[in-house]
């Protein structure tokens, strides 16, 4: 974890991503250590029944991932 924090500080990382299927605790610890924010990327394997009921599919999820990446790069 210390190496991740060191790398993130050195490279001025502003956003730490975590996946929808993963507990965000590690991402939150790293983001707190370096003063960054966190955001979510969806790997598609975790689409829920609610997602499917709301017509979320590959394209809509990838669009959300793209928007998260764009926010991080601004």
PDB file of N, CA and C in Angstrom:
ATOM      1  N   UNK A   1       0.831  -1.177   0.000  1.00  0.00           N
ATOM      2  CA  UNK A   1       0.000   0.000   0.000  1.00  0.00           C
ATOM      3  C   UNK A   1       0.883   1.252   0.000  1.00  0.00           C
ATOM      4  N   UNK A   2       1.968   1.208   0.747  1.00  0.00           N
ATOM      5  CA  UNK A   2       2.858   2.366   0.815  1.00  0.00           C
ATOM      6  C   UNK A   2       3.430   2.701  -0.555  1.00  0.00           C
ATOM      7  N   UNK A   3       3.744   1.678  -1.348  1.00  0.00           N
ATOM      8  CA  UNK A   3       4.278   1.919  -2.687  1.00  0.00           C
ATOM      9  C   UNK A   3       3.231   2.542  -3.598  1.00  0.00           C
ATOM     10  N   UNK A   4       1.987   2.138  -3.440  1.00  0.00           N
ATOM     11  CA  UNK A   4       0.901   2.726  -4.233  1.00  0.00           C
ATOM     12  C   UNK A   4       0.743   4.196  -3.882  1.00  0.00           C
ATOM     13  N   UNK A   5       0.752   4.500  -2.602  1.00  0.00           N
ATOM     14  CA  UNK A   5       0.627   5.894  -2.152  1.00  0.00           C
ATOM     15  C   UNK A   5       1.809   6.711  -2.661  1.00  0.00           C
ATOM     16  N   UNK A   6       3.005   6.173  -2.540  1.00  0.00           N
ATOM     17  CA  UNK A   6       4.203   6.872  -3.015  1.00  0.00           C
ATOM     18  C   UNK A   6       4.112   7.148  -4.519  1.00  0.00           C
ATOM     19  N   UNK A   7       3.716   6.144  -5.292  1.00  0.00           N
ATOM     20  CA  UNK A   7       3.572   6.300  -6.743  1.00  0.00           C
ATOM     21  C   UNK A   7       2.523   7.370  -7.066  1.00  0.00           C
ATOM     22  N   UNK A   8       1.384   7.302  -6.395  1.00  0.00           N
ATOM     23  CA  UNK A   8       0.298   8.247  -6.651  1.00  0.00           C
ATOM     24  C   UNK A   8       0.713   9.681  -6.328  1.00  0.00           C
ATOM     25  N   UNK A   9       1.446   9.850  -5.236  1.00  0.00           N
ATOM     26  CA  UNK A   9       1.934  11.187  -4.886  1.00  0.00           C
ATOM     27  C   UNK A   9       2.930  11.684  -5.932  1.00  0.00           C
ATOM     28  N   UNK A  10       3.865  10.832  -6.289  1.00  0.00           N
ATOM     29  CA  UNK A  10       4.908  11.199  -7.251  1.00  0.00           C
ATOM     30  C   UNK A  10       4.315  11.609  -8.593  1.00  0.00           C
ATOM     31  N   UNK A  11       3.256  10.924  -8.993  1.00  0.00           N
ATOM     32  CA  UNK A  11       2.652  11.184 -10.301  1.00  0.00           C
ATOM     33  C   UNK A  11       1.399  12.063 -10.217  1.00  0.00           C
ATOM     34  N   UNK A  12       1.190  12.648  -9.059  1.00  0.00           N
ATOM     35  CA  UNK A  12       0.094  13.594  -8.837  1.00  0.00           C
ATOM     36  C   UNK A  12      -1.258  13.036  -9.291  1.00  0.00           C
ATOM     37  N   UNK A  13      -1.537  11.825  -8.876  1.00  0.00           N
ATOM     38  CA  UNK A  13      -2.814  11.181  -9.197  1.00  0.00           C
ATOM     39  C   UNK A  13      -3.930  11.935  -8.495  1.00  0.00           C
ATOM     40  N   UNK A  14      -4.974  12.257  -9.229  1.00  0.00           N
ATOM     41  CA  UNK A  14      -6.088  13.038  -8.678  1.00  0.00           C
ATOM     42  C   UNK A  14      -7.332  12.199  -8.408  1.00  0.00           C
ATOM     43  N   UNK A  15      -7.405  11.016  -9.026  1.00  0.00           N
ATOM     44  CA  UNK A  15      -8.565  10.141  -8.846  1.00  0.00           C
ATOM     45  C   UNK A  15      -8.097   8.701  -8.679  1.00  0.00           C
ATOM     46  N   UNK A  16      -8.651   8.043  -7.682  1.00  0.00           N
ATOM     47  CA  UNK A  16      -8.407   6.625  -7.462  1.00  0.00           C
ATOM     48  C   UNK A  16      -9.706   5.901  -7.833  1.00  0.00           C
ATOM     49  N   UNK A  17      -9.590   4.997  -8.790  1.00  0.00           N
ATOM     50  CA  UNK A  17     -10.761   4.256  -9.242  1.00  0.00           C
ATOM     51  C   UNK A  17     -10.879   2.925  -8.506  1.00  0.00           C
ATOM     52  N   UNK A  18     -12.112   2.497  -8.333  1.00  0.00           N
ATOM     53  CA  UNK A  18     -12.393   1.147  -7.862  1.00  0.00           C
ATOM     54  C   UNK A  18     -13.564   0.616  -8.665  1.00  0.00           C
ATOM     55  N   UNK A  19     -13.688  -0.694  -8.709  1.00  0.00           N
ATOM     56  CA  UNK A  19     -14.755  -1.313  -9.484  1.00  0.00           C
ATOM     57  C   UNK A  19     -16.000  -1.494  -8.635  1.00  0.00           C
ATOM     58  N   UNK A  20     -17.132  -1.596  -9.299  1.00  0.00           N
ATOM     59  CA  UNK A  20     -18.399  -1.762  -8.589  1.00  0.00           C
ATOM     60  C   UNK A  20     -18.439  -3.039  -7.765  1.00  0.00           C
ATOM     61  N   UNK A  21     -17.682  -4.047  -8.145  1.00  0.00           N
ATOM     62  CA  UNK A  21     -17.700  -5.336  -7.442  1.00  0.00           C
ATOM     63  C   UNK A  21     -16.704  -5.406  -6.295  1.00  0.00           C
ATOM     64  N   UNK A  22     -15.955  -4.337  -6.065  1.00  0.00           N
ATOM     65  CA  UNK A  22     -14.887  -4.342  -5.071  1.00  0.00           C
ATOM     66  C   UNK A  22     -15.222  -3.350  -3.955  1.00  0.00           C
ATOM     67  N   UNK A  23     -14.946  -3.771  -2.744  1.00  0.00           N
ATOM     68  CA  UNK A  23     -15.126  -2.888  -1.592  1.00  0.00           C
ATOM     69  C   UNK A  23     -14.229  -1.657  -1.775  1.00  0.00           C
ATOM     70  N   UNK A  24     -14.763  -0.447  -1.611  1.00  0.00           N
ATOM     71  CA  UNK A  24     -13.978   0.764  -1.881  1.00  0.00           C
ATOM     72  C   UNK A  24     -13.016   1.185  -0.767  1.00  0.00           C
ATOM     73  N   UNK A  25     -12.892   0.421   0.286  1.00  0.00           N
ATOM     74  CA  UNK A  25     -12.077   0.847   1.435  1.00  0.00           C
ATOM     75  C   UNK A  25     -10.629   1.148   1.061  1.00  0.00           C
ATOM     76  N   UNK A  26      -9.998   0.282   0.288  1.00  0.00           N
ATOM     77  CA  UNK A  26      -8.593   0.501  -0.077  1.00  0.00           C
ATOM     78  C   UNK A  26      -8.459   1.770  -0.908  1.00  0.00           C
ATOM     79  N   UNK A  27      -9.358   1.945  -1.873  1.00  0.00           N
ATOM     80  CA  UNK A  27      -9.325   3.153  -2.700  1.00  0.00           C
ATOM     81  C   UNK A  27      -9.515   4.399  -1.841  1.00  0.00           C
ATOM     82  N   UNK A  28     -10.385   4.318  -0.855  1.00  0.00           N
ATOM     83  CA  UNK A  28     -10.625   5.464   0.016  1.00  0.00           C
ATOM     84  C   UNK A  28      -9.408   5.767   0.881  1.00  0.00           C
ATOM     85  N   UNK A  29      -8.737   4.751   1.367  1.00  0.00           N
ATOM     86  CA  UNK A  29      -7.534   4.966   2.176  1.00  0.00           C
ATOM     87  C   UNK A  29      -6.465   5.653   1.331  1.00  0.00           C
ATOM     88  N   UNK A  30      -6.227   5.141   0.138  1.00  0.00           N
ATOM     89  CA  UNK A  30      -5.216   5.743  -0.735  1.00  0.00           C
ATOM     90  C   UNK A  30      -5.606   7.171  -1.081  1.00  0.00           C
ATOM     91  N   UNK A  31      -6.867   7.387  -1.436  1.00  0.00           N
ATOM     92  CA  UNK A  31      -7.288   8.744  -1.799  1.00  0.00           C
ATOM     93  C   UNK A  31      -7.147   9.708  -0.629  1.00  0.00           C
ATOM     94  N   UNK A  32      -7.441   9.252   0.574  1.00  0.00           N
ATOM     95  CA  UNK A  32      -7.266  10.105   1.757  1.00  0.00           C
ATOM     96  C   UNK A  32      -5.800  10.453   1.977  1.00  0.00           C
ATOM     97  N   UNK A  33      -4.921   9.485   1.757  1.00  0.00           N
ATOM     98  CA  UNK A  33      -3.480   9.700   1.950  1.00  0.00           C
ATOM     99  C   UNK A  33      -2.906  10.718   0.972  1.00  0.00           C
ATOM    100  N   UNK A  34      -3.444  10.762  -0.234  1.00  0.00           N
ATOM    101  CA  UNK A  34      -2.857  11.642  -1.253  1.00  0.00           C
ATOM    102  C   UNK A  34      -3.738  12.852  -1.576  1.00  0.00           C
ATOM    103  N   UNK A  35      -4.905  12.943  -0.927  1.00  0.00           N
ATOM    104  CA  UNK A  35      -5.794  14.074  -1.181  1.00  0.00           C
ATOM    105  C   UNK A  35      -6.499  13.999  -2.521  1.00  0.00           C
ATOM    106  N   UNK A  36      -6.796  12.793  -2.957  1.00  0.00           N
ATOM    107  CA  UNK A  36      -7.477  12.599  -4.243  1.00  0.00           C
ATOM    108  C   UNK A  36      -8.939  12.239  -3.993  1.00  0.00           C
ATOM    109  N   UNK A  37      -9.692  12.190  -5.067  1.00  0.00           N
ATOM    110  CA  UNK A  37     -11.073  11.730  -4.968  1.00  0.00           C
ATOM    111  C   UNK A  37     -11.133  10.291  -5.473  1.00  0.00           C
ATOM    112  N   UNK A  38     -12.270   9.662  -5.264  1.00  0.00           N
ATOM    113  CA  UNK A  38     -12.486   8.321  -5.787  1.00  0.00           C
ATOM    114  C   UNK A  38     -13.612   8.364  -6.811  1.00  0.00           C
ATOM    115  N   UNK A  39     -13.600   7.386  -7.697  1.00  0.00           N
ATOM    116  CA  UNK A  39     -14.683   7.235  -8.667  1.00  0.00           C
ATOM    117  C   UNK A  39     -14.787   5.756  -9.016  1.00  0.00           C
ATOM    118  N   UNK A  40     -15.880   5.402  -9.651  1.00  0.00           N
ATOM    119  CA  UNK A  40     -16.204   4.008  -9.908  1.00  0.00           C
ATOM    120  C   UNK A  40     -16.113   3.697 -11.395  1.00  0.00           C
ATOM    121  N   UNK A  41     -15.553   2.537 -11.696  1.00  0.00           N
ATOM    122  CA  UNK A  41     -15.613   1.977 -13.045  1.00  0.00           C
ATOM    123  C   UNK A  41     -16.366   0.654 -12.950  1.00  0.00           C
ATOM    124  N   UNK A  42     -17.242   0.415 -13.911  1.00  0.00           N
ATOM    125  CA  UNK A  42     -18.062  -0.783 -13.898  1.00  0.00           C
ATOM    126  C   UNK A  42     -17.499  -1.801 -14.886  1.00  0.00           C
ATOM    127  N   UNK A  43     -17.094  -2.985 -14.418  1.00  0.00           N
ATOM    128  CA  UNK A  43     -16.515  -3.978 -15.312  1.00  0.00           C
ATOM    129  C   UNK A  43     -17.546  -4.837 -16.042  1.00  0.00           C
ATOM    130  N   UNK A  44     -18.811  -4.526 -15.904  1.00  0.00           N
ATOM    131  CA  UNK A  44     -19.933  -5.232 -16.537  1.00  0.00           C
ATOM    132  C   UNK A  44     -20.304  -6.553 -15.885  1.00  0.00           C
ATOM    133  N   UNK A  45     -19.372  -7.231 -15.257  1.00  0.00           N
ATOM    134  CA  UNK A  45     -19.708  -8.511 -14.640  1.00  0.00           C
ATOM    135  C   UNK A  45     -20.702  -8.351 -13.503  1.00  0.00           C
ATOM    136  N   UNK A  46     -20.829  -7.139 -13.009  1.00  0.00           N
ATOM    137  CA  UNK A  46     -21.665  -6.914 -11.846  1.00  0.00           C
ATOM    138  C   UNK A  46     -23.004  -6.282 -12.141  1.00  0.00           C
ATOM    139  N   UNK A  47     -23.475  -6.362 -13.379  1.00  0.00           N
ATOM    140  CA  UNK A  47     -24.783  -5.786 -13.665  1.00  0.00           C
ATOM    141  C   UNK A  47     -25.842  -6.503 -12.830  1.00  0.00           C
ATOM    142  N   UNK A  48     -26.621  -5.719 -12.127  1.00  0.00           N
ATOM    143  CA  UNK A  48     -27.657  -6.268 -11.258  1.00  0.00           C
ATOM    144  C   UNK A  48     -28.972  -6.370 -12.013  1.00  0.00           C
ATOM    145  N   UNK A  49     -29.935  -7.010 -11.390  1.00  0.00           N
ATOM    146  CA  UNK A  49     -31.273  -7.070 -11.980  1.00  0.00           C
ATOM    147  C   UNK A  49     -31.835  -5.663 -12.152  1.00  0.00           C
ATOM    148  N   UNK A  50     -31.531  -4.793 -11.181  1.00  0.00           N
ATOM    149  CA  UNK A  50     -31.979  -3.399 -11.277  1.00  0.00           C
ATOM    150  C   UNK A  50     -31.365  -2.723 -12.494  1.00  0.00           C
ATOM    151  N   UNK A  51     -30.080  -2.956 -12.732  1.00  0.00           N
ATOM    152  CA  UNK A  51     -29.420  -2.402 -13.924  1.00  0.00           C
ATOM    153  C   UNK A  51     -30.131  -2.877 -15.183  1.00  0.00           C
ATOM    154  N   UNK A  52     -30.367  -4.163 -15.250  1.00  0.00           N
ATOM    155  CA  UNK A  52     -31.020  -4.731 -16.435  1.00  0.00           C
ATOM    156  C   UNK A  52     -32.443  -4.203 -16.592  1.00  0.00           C
ATOM    157  N   UNK A  53     -33.148  -4.035 -15.474  1.00  0.00           N
ATOM    158  CA  UNK A  53     -34.511  -3.490 -15.525  1.00  0.00           C
ATOM    159  C   UNK A  53     -34.534  -2.047 -16.001  1.00  0.00           C
ATOM    160  N   UNK A  54     -33.417  -1.345 -15.806  1.00  0.00           N
ATOM    161  CA  UNK A  54     -33.304   0.037 -16.263  1.00  0.00           C
ATOM    162  C   UNK A  54     -32.591   0.120 -17.619  1.00  0.00           C
ATOM    163  N   UNK A  55     -32.577  -1.004 -18.323  1.00  0.00           N
ATOM    164  CA  UNK A  55     -32.012  -1.087 -19.677  1.00  0.00           C
ATOM    165  C   UNK A  55     -30.546  -0.692 -19.756  1.00  0.00           C
ATOM    166  N   UNK A  56     -29.804  -0.924 -18.690  1.00  0.00           N
ATOM    167  CA  UNK A  56     -28.363  -0.676 -18.752  1.00  0.00           C
ATOM    168  C   UNK A  56     -27.729  -1.849 -19.487  1.00  0.00           C
ATOM    169  N   UNK A  57     -26.861  -1.530 -20.389  1.00  0.00           N
ATOM    170  CA  UNK A  57     -26.233  -2.553 -21.205  1.00  0.00           C
ATOM    171  C   UNK A  57     -24.773  -2.174 -21.426  1.00  0.00           C
ATOM    172  N   UNK A  58     -24.099  -2.923 -22.281  1.00  0.00           N
ATOM    173  CA  UNK A  58     -22.682  -2.678 -22.533  1.00  0.00           C
ATOM    174  C   UNK A  58     -22.423  -1.222 -22.904  1.00  0.00           C
ATOM    175  N   UNK A  59     -23.184  -0.705 -23.848  1.00  0.00           N
ATOM    176  CA  UNK A  59     -22.941   0.663 -24.326  1.00  0.00           C
ATOM    177  C   UNK A  59     -23.196   1.708 -23.229  1.00  0.00           C
ATOM    178  N   UNK A  60     -24.271   1.570 -22.498  1.00  0.00           N
ATOM    179  CA  UNK A  60     -24.571   2.578 -21.475  1.00  0.00           C
ATOM    180  C   UNK A  60     -23.555   2.525 -20.326  1.00  0.00           C
ATOM    181  N   UNK A  61     -23.136   1.329 -19.959  1.00  0.00           N
ATOM    182  CA  UNK A  61     -22.141   1.197 -18.887  1.00  0.00           C
ATOM    183  C   UNK A  61     -20.789   1.735 -19.348  1.00  0.00           C
ATOM    184  N   UNK A  62     -20.397   1.433 -20.563  1.00  0.00           N
ATOM    185  CA  UNK A  62     -19.128   1.949 -21.084  1.00  0.00           C
ATOM    186  C   UNK A  62     -19.171   3.470 -21.210  1.00  0.00           C
ATOM    187  N   UNK A  63     -20.337   4.017 -21.512  1.00  0.00           N
ATOM    188  CA  UNK A  63     -20.491   5.478 -21.569  1.00  0.00           C
ATOM    189  C   UNK A  63     -20.270   6.078 -20.179  1.00  0.00           C
ATOM    190  N   UNK A  64     -20.821   5.427 -19.155  1.00  0.00           N
ATOM    191  CA  UNK A  64     -20.607   5.896 -17.777  1.00  0.00           C
ATOM    192  C   UNK A  64     -19.127   5.803 -17.400  1.00  0.00           C
ATOM    193  N   UNK A  65     -18.473   4.717 -17.793  1.00  0.00           N
ATOM    194  CA  UNK A  65     -17.040   4.574 -17.520  1.00  0.00           C
ATOM    195  C   UNK A  65     -16.243   5.666 -18.224  1.00  0.00           C
ATOM    196  N   UNK A  66     -16.595   5.949 -19.468  1.00  0.00           N
ATOM    197  CA  UNK A  66     -15.916   7.009 -20.218  1.00  0.00           C
ATOM    198  C   UNK A  66     -16.081   8.347 -19.517  1.00  0.00           C
ATOM    199  N   UNK A  67     -17.289   8.640 -19.061  1.00  0.00           N
ATOM    200  CA  UNK A  67     -17.533   9.914 -18.366  1.00  0.00           C
ATOM    201  C   UNK A  67     -16.711  10.003 -17.081  1.00  0.00           C
ATOM    202  N   UNK A  68     -16.575   8.896 -16.361  1.00  0.00           N
ATOM    203  CA  UNK A  68     -15.761   8.886 -15.144  1.00  0.00           C
ATOM    204  C   UNK A  68     -14.291   9.157 -15.475  1.00  0.00           C
ATOM    205  N   UNK A  69     -13.800   8.541 -16.542  1.00  0.00           N
ATOM    206  CA  UNK A  69     -12.415   8.760 -16.963  1.00  0.00           C
ATOM    207  C   UNK A  69     -12.198  10.197 -17.423  1.00  0.00           C
ATOM    208  N   UNK A  70     -13.157  10.756 -18.130  1.00  0.00           N
ATOM    209  CA  UNK A  70     -13.046  12.142 -18.580  1.00  0.00           C
ATOM    210  C   UNK A  70     -13.011  13.102 -17.398  1.00  0.00           C
ATOM    211  N   UNK A  71     -13.858  12.849 -16.382  1.00  0.00           N
ATOM    212  CA  UNK A  71     -13.844  13.695 -15.179  1.00  0.00           C
ATOM    213  C   UNK A  71     -12.471  13.652 -14.527  1.00  0.00           C
ATOM    214  N   UNK A  72     -11.892  12.463 -14.462  1.00  0.00           N
ATOM    215  CA  UNK A  72     -10.602  12.298 -13.800  1.00  0.00           C
ATOM    216  C   UNK A  72      -9.470  13.008 -14.553  1.00  0.00           C
ATOM    217  N   UNK A  73      -9.599  13.104 -15.849  1.00  0.00           N
ATOM    218  CA  UNK A  73      -8.517  13.689 -16.659  1.00  0.00           C
ATOM    219  C   UNK A  73      -8.639  15.195 -16.841  1.00  0.00           C
ATOM    220  N   UNK A  74      -9.680  15.803 -16.338  1.00  0.00           N
ATOM    221  CA  UNK A  74      -9.836  17.260 -16.468  1.00  0.00           C
ATOM    222  C   UNK A  74      -9.003  17.981 -15.464  1.00  0.00           C
TER     223      UNK A  74
END
